[in-house]
Protein backbone atom coordinates (compact mmCIF):
# COMPACT_ATOMS: atom_id res chain seq x y z
CA MET A 1 -62.50 -29.78 50.37
CA ALA A 2 -64.17 -33.15 49.88
CA LEU A 3 -62.17 -36.09 48.56
CA LYS A 4 -63.40 -37.31 45.18
CA VAL A 5 -64.20 -40.81 43.98
CA GLY A 6 -64.49 -41.13 40.21
CA LEU A 7 -66.31 -43.83 38.29
CA PHE A 8 -65.58 -45.14 34.78
CA VAL A 9 -68.59 -47.05 33.43
CA GLY A 10 -69.93 -48.52 30.22
CA ARG A 11 -73.39 -49.79 29.36
CA GLU A 12 -74.60 -50.41 32.89
CA TRP A 13 -77.45 -48.40 34.36
CA SER A 14 -78.34 -49.72 37.81
CA PHE A 15 -75.01 -49.81 39.67
CA PRO A 16 -73.48 -46.38 38.80
CA PRO A 17 -76.26 -44.11 40.10
CA ALA A 18 -76.87 -46.31 43.13
CA PHE A 19 -73.17 -46.30 44.03
CA ILE A 20 -72.80 -42.54 43.55
CA GLU A 21 -75.90 -41.87 45.67
CA GLU A 22 -74.72 -44.24 48.40
CA VAL A 23 -71.29 -42.56 48.70
CA ASN A 24 -72.68 -39.03 48.60
CA LYS A 25 -75.37 -39.58 51.23
CA ARG A 26 -72.82 -40.80 53.78
CA ASP A 27 -71.58 -37.24 54.42
CA GLN A 28 -68.07 -38.45 55.27
CA GLY A 29 -66.10 -35.86 53.34
CA VAL A 30 -66.06 -38.00 50.19
CA VAL A 31 -68.09 -37.37 47.03
CA ALA A 32 -68.55 -39.65 44.03
CA GLU A 33 -69.14 -38.75 40.38
CA LEU A 34 -68.58 -39.98 36.85
CA VAL A 35 -65.10 -39.19 35.51
CA GLU A 36 -64.92 -36.94 32.46
CA ILE A 37 -61.66 -36.74 30.49
CA GLY A 38 -60.63 -35.47 27.08
CA ALA A 39 -57.05 -35.25 25.85
CA VAL A 40 -54.64 -35.59 28.79
CA SER A 41 -51.08 -34.26 29.00
CA MET A 42 -48.27 -36.32 30.49
CA ASP A 43 -47.83 -34.04 33.53
CA GLU A 44 -51.50 -33.37 34.18
CA PRO A 45 -52.53 -33.93 37.82
CA CYS A 46 -55.56 -36.01 38.72
CA ASP A 47 -57.90 -34.62 41.35
CA TYR A 48 -59.46 -37.96 42.34
CA ALA A 49 -58.44 -39.87 45.44
CA VAL A 50 -59.99 -43.09 44.10
CA ILE A 51 -61.19 -44.18 40.66
CA ILE A 52 -63.43 -47.22 40.19
CA ASP A 53 -62.82 -48.79 36.78
CA ARG A 54 -65.70 -50.75 35.27
CA ILE A 55 -64.94 -50.47 31.54
CA SER A 56 -61.26 -49.98 30.59
CA HIS A 57 -61.04 -53.59 29.37
CA GLU A 58 -63.18 -52.42 26.45
CA VAL A 59 -61.91 -48.83 26.08
CA PRO A 60 -58.08 -48.83 25.74
CA TYR A 61 -57.80 -45.06 26.19
CA TYR A 62 -59.28 -45.34 29.67
CA ARG A 63 -56.63 -47.92 30.59
CA THR A 64 -53.92 -45.57 29.32
CA TYR A 65 -55.32 -42.76 31.48
CA LEU A 66 -55.69 -44.98 34.56
CA LYS A 67 -52.02 -45.97 34.51
CA HIS A 68 -51.22 -42.26 34.41
CA ALA A 69 -53.60 -41.73 37.34
CA VAL A 70 -51.74 -44.31 39.45
CA LEU A 71 -48.53 -42.36 38.86
CA GLN A 72 -50.32 -39.25 40.14
CA GLY A 73 -51.12 -41.01 43.42
CA VAL A 74 -54.69 -42.14 42.69
CA THR A 75 -55.89 -45.50 44.04
CA VAL A 76 -57.45 -47.23 41.04
CA VAL A 77 -59.85 -50.15 41.53
CA ASN A 78 -58.62 -52.33 40.00
CA ASN A 79 -54.92 -51.60 39.57
CA PRO A 80 -54.56 -51.13 35.78
CA PHE A 81 -51.08 -52.63 35.74
CA MET A 82 -52.42 -55.92 37.13
CA TRP A 83 -54.94 -56.33 34.30
CA THR A 84 -52.00 -57.48 32.17
CA ALA A 85 -52.06 -60.73 34.16
CA ASP A 86 -55.69 -61.37 33.25
CA ASP A 87 -55.79 -64.58 31.26
CA LYS A 88 -57.24 -67.97 32.02
CA PHE A 89 -53.99 -69.90 31.71
CA PHE A 90 -52.18 -67.65 34.16
CA GLU A 91 -55.06 -67.90 36.62
CA ALA A 92 -54.85 -71.70 36.57
CA SER A 93 -51.07 -71.54 37.05
CA LEU A 94 -51.44 -69.02 39.89
CA ALA A 95 -54.08 -71.08 41.69
CA THR A 96 -51.88 -74.17 41.44
CA LYS A 97 -48.85 -72.25 42.73
CA LEU A 98 -50.87 -71.03 45.71
CA GLY A 99 -52.25 -74.47 46.55
CA VAL A 100 -55.83 -73.76 45.46
CA ALA A 101 -57.65 -76.49 43.52
CA SER A 102 -58.11 -75.63 39.84
CA PRO A 103 -59.12 -77.66 36.77
CA LYS A 104 -56.27 -79.10 34.68
CA THR A 105 -55.55 -76.47 32.03
CA VAL A 106 -53.44 -76.38 28.85
CA ALA A 107 -52.64 -73.31 26.73
CA LEU A 108 -52.73 -73.71 22.94
CA PRO A 109 -50.83 -71.82 20.22
CA ASN A 110 -53.07 -69.59 18.13
CA LYS A 111 -54.71 -71.16 15.11
CA ASP A 112 -54.22 -68.01 12.99
CA TYR A 113 -51.99 -64.94 13.17
CA VAL A 114 -52.01 -61.33 12.05
CA PRO A 115 -50.78 -60.44 8.53
CA GLY A 116 -47.00 -60.28 8.44
CA ILE A 117 -46.50 -63.51 10.37
CA VAL A 118 -44.78 -65.92 7.96
CA HIS A 119 -45.34 -69.36 9.43
CA PRO A 120 -42.02 -71.10 8.55
CA ASP A 121 -40.02 -68.05 9.69
CA SER A 122 -41.98 -66.24 12.39
CA LEU A 123 -43.09 -69.36 14.28
CA ARG A 124 -39.84 -71.30 14.49
CA ASN A 125 -40.26 -71.67 18.26
CA LEU A 126 -43.53 -73.60 17.92
CA LYS A 127 -43.95 -77.32 17.57
CA HIS A 128 -47.05 -79.30 16.67
CA VAL A 129 -49.65 -79.98 19.35
CA ASP A 130 -49.93 -83.61 20.44
CA TRP A 131 -53.71 -83.68 20.65
CA GLN A 132 -53.95 -87.23 21.98
CA ALA A 133 -51.51 -86.51 24.80
CA LEU A 134 -53.53 -83.38 25.61
CA ILE A 135 -56.77 -85.37 25.88
CA ASP A 136 -55.04 -88.07 27.94
CA TYR A 137 -54.07 -85.34 30.43
CA ILE A 138 -57.26 -83.23 30.45
CA GLY A 139 -59.86 -85.93 29.89
CA LEU A 140 -63.27 -85.75 28.19
CA PRO A 141 -65.51 -83.85 28.15
CA CYS A 142 -63.32 -80.79 28.20
CA VAL A 143 -63.80 -77.04 27.85
CA LEU A 144 -62.22 -74.95 25.10
CA LYS A 145 -62.28 -71.23 25.86
CA ASP A 146 -60.68 -67.92 24.94
CA ALA A 147 -57.83 -67.24 27.37
CA HIS A 148 -58.67 -63.54 27.36
CA GLY A 149 -62.43 -63.79 27.03
CA GLY A 150 -65.37 -63.32 29.36
CA GLY A 151 -69.14 -63.31 29.49
CA TRP A 152 -69.31 -66.94 28.30
CA LYS A 153 -68.13 -65.92 24.82
CA GLU A 154 -66.13 -68.44 22.76
CA VAL A 155 -66.66 -71.23 25.30
CA TYR A 156 -67.22 -74.77 23.98
CA ILE A 157 -67.93 -78.02 25.83
CA CYS A 158 -66.22 -80.70 23.73
CA HIS A 159 -67.11 -84.40 24.08
CA SER A 160 -64.60 -85.79 21.59
CA LEU A 161 -61.19 -85.03 20.15
CA ASP A 162 -62.76 -84.28 16.76
CA GLU A 163 -65.12 -81.76 18.35
CA LEU A 164 -62.24 -80.09 20.18
CA ILE A 165 -60.14 -79.77 17.01
CA HIS A 166 -63.15 -78.47 15.05
CA HIS A 167 -63.74 -75.57 17.46
CA TYR A 168 -60.01 -74.88 17.73
CA ASP A 169 -59.77 -74.70 13.91
CA HIS A 170 -62.41 -71.94 13.97
CA SER A 171 -60.83 -69.90 16.79
CA GLY A 172 -59.00 -67.52 14.43
CA LEU A 173 -56.71 -65.04 16.18
CA LEU A 174 -57.81 -65.98 19.69
CA THR A 175 -55.48 -67.64 22.16
CA MET A 176 -57.36 -70.65 23.49
CA VAL A 177 -57.01 -72.87 26.54
CA VAL A 178 -58.34 -76.38 27.10
CA GLN A 179 -59.62 -77.10 30.57
CA GLU A 180 -60.83 -80.11 32.50
CA PHE A 181 -64.62 -80.12 32.75
CA ILE A 182 -65.66 -80.30 36.40
CA GLU A 183 -68.90 -82.24 36.83
CA TRP A 184 -70.05 -80.12 39.72
CA ASP A 185 -72.45 -80.88 42.55
CA GLN A 186 -72.71 -77.20 43.58
CA PHE A 187 -71.66 -73.97 41.92
CA VAL A 188 -70.81 -70.73 43.69
CA ARG A 189 -69.97 -67.25 42.46
CA CYS A 190 -68.33 -64.95 45.01
CA ILE A 191 -68.21 -61.17 45.03
CA CYS A 192 -64.88 -60.09 46.52
CA LEU A 193 -64.34 -56.49 47.64
CA GLY A 194 -61.39 -54.65 49.15
CA GLN A 195 -59.30 -57.83 49.50
CA GLU A 196 -61.23 -58.30 52.74
CA GLU A 197 -64.87 -59.21 52.07
CA VAL A 198 -66.24 -62.24 50.24
CA MET A 199 -69.92 -62.92 49.56
CA PRO A 200 -70.46 -66.51 48.30
CA ILE A 201 -73.67 -66.69 46.25
CA LYS A 202 -75.43 -69.74 44.86
CA TYR A 203 -75.17 -69.55 41.08
CA ASP A 204 -76.43 -71.75 38.25
CA PRO A 205 -74.20 -71.40 35.15
CA ARG A 206 -76.76 -73.23 33.02
CA GLU A 207 -79.37 -70.58 33.79
CA ARG A 208 -76.69 -67.90 34.32
CA LYS A 209 -78.65 -66.88 37.35
CA TYR A 210 -77.98 -66.01 41.00
CA HIS A 211 -80.18 -67.57 43.66
CA VAL A 212 -80.88 -66.04 47.07
CA GLU A 213 -80.36 -69.08 49.27
CA HIS A 214 -78.32 -68.28 52.36
CA ASP A 215 -77.76 -71.84 53.61
CA HIS A 216 -76.49 -73.33 50.34
CA LEU A 217 -73.06 -74.16 51.82
CA THR A 218 -72.00 -76.01 54.94
CA PRO A 219 -70.06 -73.83 57.39
CA GLU A 220 -66.85 -75.76 56.61
CA LEU A 221 -67.20 -75.48 52.83
CA GLY A 222 -68.22 -71.85 53.04
CA ALA A 223 -65.16 -71.06 55.17
CA GLN A 224 -62.85 -72.81 52.70
CA ILE A 225 -64.29 -70.92 49.72
CA VAL A 226 -63.89 -67.61 51.55
CA ARG A 227 -60.34 -68.51 52.57
CA ASP A 228 -59.31 -69.61 49.06
CA SER A 229 -61.02 -66.57 47.50
CA LEU A 230 -59.02 -64.24 49.74
CA THR A 231 -55.80 -66.08 48.91
CA LEU A 232 -56.40 -65.53 45.19
CA VAL A 233 -57.74 -61.98 45.29
CA ARG A 234 -54.91 -60.81 47.53
CA ALA A 235 -52.40 -62.43 45.18
CA LEU A 236 -53.90 -60.46 42.31
CA GLY A 237 -54.31 -57.27 44.29
CA TYR A 238 -57.88 -56.94 43.05
CA ASP A 239 -60.21 -54.82 45.20
CA MET A 240 -63.22 -55.71 43.04
CA ASP A 241 -63.60 -59.19 41.61
CA SER A 242 -65.93 -62.13 41.16
CA MET A 243 -64.84 -65.75 41.46
CA GLU A 244 -66.52 -68.94 40.28
CA TRP A 245 -66.19 -72.19 42.20
CA ALA A 246 -67.33 -75.60 40.94
CA ILE A 247 -67.68 -78.02 43.84
CA ARG A 248 -67.08 -81.70 43.11
CA ASP A 249 -67.06 -84.32 45.88
CA GLY A 250 -66.76 -81.57 48.47
CA VAL A 251 -63.74 -79.92 46.81
CA PRO A 252 -64.15 -76.35 45.46
CA TYR A 253 -62.30 -75.80 42.18
CA ALA A 254 -61.44 -72.26 41.09
CA ILE A 255 -63.02 -72.17 37.63
CA ASP A 256 -62.72 -68.47 36.83
CA PHE A 257 -61.48 -65.84 39.22
CA MET A 258 -60.06 -63.01 37.13
CA ASN A 259 -63.15 -60.85 36.70
CA PRO A 260 -61.92 -57.38 37.72
CA ALA A 261 -65.05 -55.65 36.36
CA PRO A 262 -67.71 -58.05 37.65
CA ASP A 263 -71.37 -57.84 36.73
CA MET A 264 -73.13 -55.71 39.34
CA ASP A 265 -76.47 -55.21 37.63
CA ILE A 266 -79.51 -55.40 39.88
CA TYR A 267 -81.27 -57.80 37.52
CA SER A 268 -78.28 -60.17 37.58
CA LEU A 269 -77.39 -60.00 41.26
CA THR A 270 -80.99 -59.83 42.50
CA PRO A 271 -82.00 -56.84 44.66
CA HIS A 272 -80.68 -58.55 47.80
CA TYR A 273 -77.09 -58.99 46.61
CA PHE A 274 -77.19 -55.76 44.62
CA GLU A 275 -77.81 -53.83 47.83
CA TRP A 276 -74.91 -55.65 49.47
CA ALA A 277 -72.58 -54.83 46.57
CA VAL A 278 -73.54 -51.14 46.44
CA THR A 279 -73.21 -50.68 50.20
CA HIS A 280 -69.88 -52.45 50.49
CA MET A 281 -68.45 -50.84 47.34
CA ALA A 282 -69.25 -47.48 48.93
CA ASP A 283 -67.59 -48.58 52.19
CA MET A 284 -64.46 -49.58 50.28
CA ALA A 285 -64.30 -46.42 48.17
CA ILE A 286 -64.60 -44.17 51.21
CA ARG A 287 -62.01 -46.20 53.10
CA LEU A 288 -59.50 -46.03 50.22
CA ALA A 289 -60.12 -42.29 49.79
CA THR A 290 -59.60 -41.47 53.46
CA HIS A 291 -56.84 -44.04 54.10
CA PRO A 292 -54.96 -44.23 50.77
CA ARG A 293 -52.90 -47.29 49.96
CA PRO A 294 -49.53 -46.83 48.17
CA GLN A 295 -50.64 -48.64 45.03
CA LEU A 296 -47.39 -48.11 43.14
CA ARG A 297 -45.73 -50.66 45.44
CA GLU A 298 -48.08 -53.31 44.03
CA THR A 299 -46.40 -53.07 40.61
CA ARG A 300 -43.38 -54.94 41.98
CA TRP A 301 -44.56 -58.25 40.62
CA SER A 302 -41.84 -60.43 42.13
CA SER A 303 -43.06 -59.68 45.66
CA LEU A 304 -46.75 -59.50 44.69
CA LEU A 305 -46.86 -62.99 43.20
CA ALA A 306 -44.50 -64.78 45.62
CA SER A 307 -46.38 -67.90 46.67
CA ASP A 308 -45.04 -67.79 50.23
CA ARG A 309 -46.15 -64.22 50.89
CA ALA A 310 -48.65 -63.67 53.69
CA TRP A 311 -51.44 -62.08 51.67
CA GLN A 312 -52.54 -59.07 53.63
CA PRO A 313 -53.88 -55.85 52.10
CA GLU A 314 -51.47 -53.01 52.78
CA ILE A 315 -53.24 -50.01 54.27
CA SER A 316 -51.31 -46.98 55.44
């Protein structure tokens, strides 16, 4: 009986059929298909060897099911328990802990709270933000962004303290971070797969566009970006991720590297990098199906996030 790879997807139309076709044409005893679930019982087995998750960040029920699937022995890409770590303050702290350059970052208390929070009583642990001290540390311009956001939503470049406070005052229930603005000379977005492969791609965040330009990095800078990308992705345990690097004076800064459901649309990646992503995603899915990794061990966070660990993917 063939091993099964399941795919959870949302509103994307180019990657899913291309990935499924690529896996199925390999004829390696592994077949890929879209997952279909209804109501699931707590002891229900899961007949997939691997599930690729592209949408559970927007569909909470899928995340609930995927945690159940891990308990049933399925390798889920990406590990649903690790998504809890996905916020932009933690990523800056993690990069710093691991010795990877990252913009100075400060987490802010929420501006507003859900009904039932009584400010004098419920928020006794909070003190007022010293905005001037914050600016003295971060510098201007700075970036205000949603700690849990993505897709360039709720991101503001602030050139003054008044502008920063204005956007913060309109942030509502969001948890915001303030980040040093890196005046970059080059910008790179990497696709990272299987905690082993890194494809650094020239990217322009102003155009939000990938460029097919193979010699955009020196060999030394390219090697450092690959090395730092692997350090971070192995720390997170992500088998599918994209990472953004802003390069200033020859130093690559990790701007955003927690993207466990990265954009893989052909019109975004360009046909060249889309083909690479589909091919290598299929390689990874087949490898994880035929050589399963004990993913439950990765939920032991103390060992996973130890900064002195030698980050090597565990394959058994």
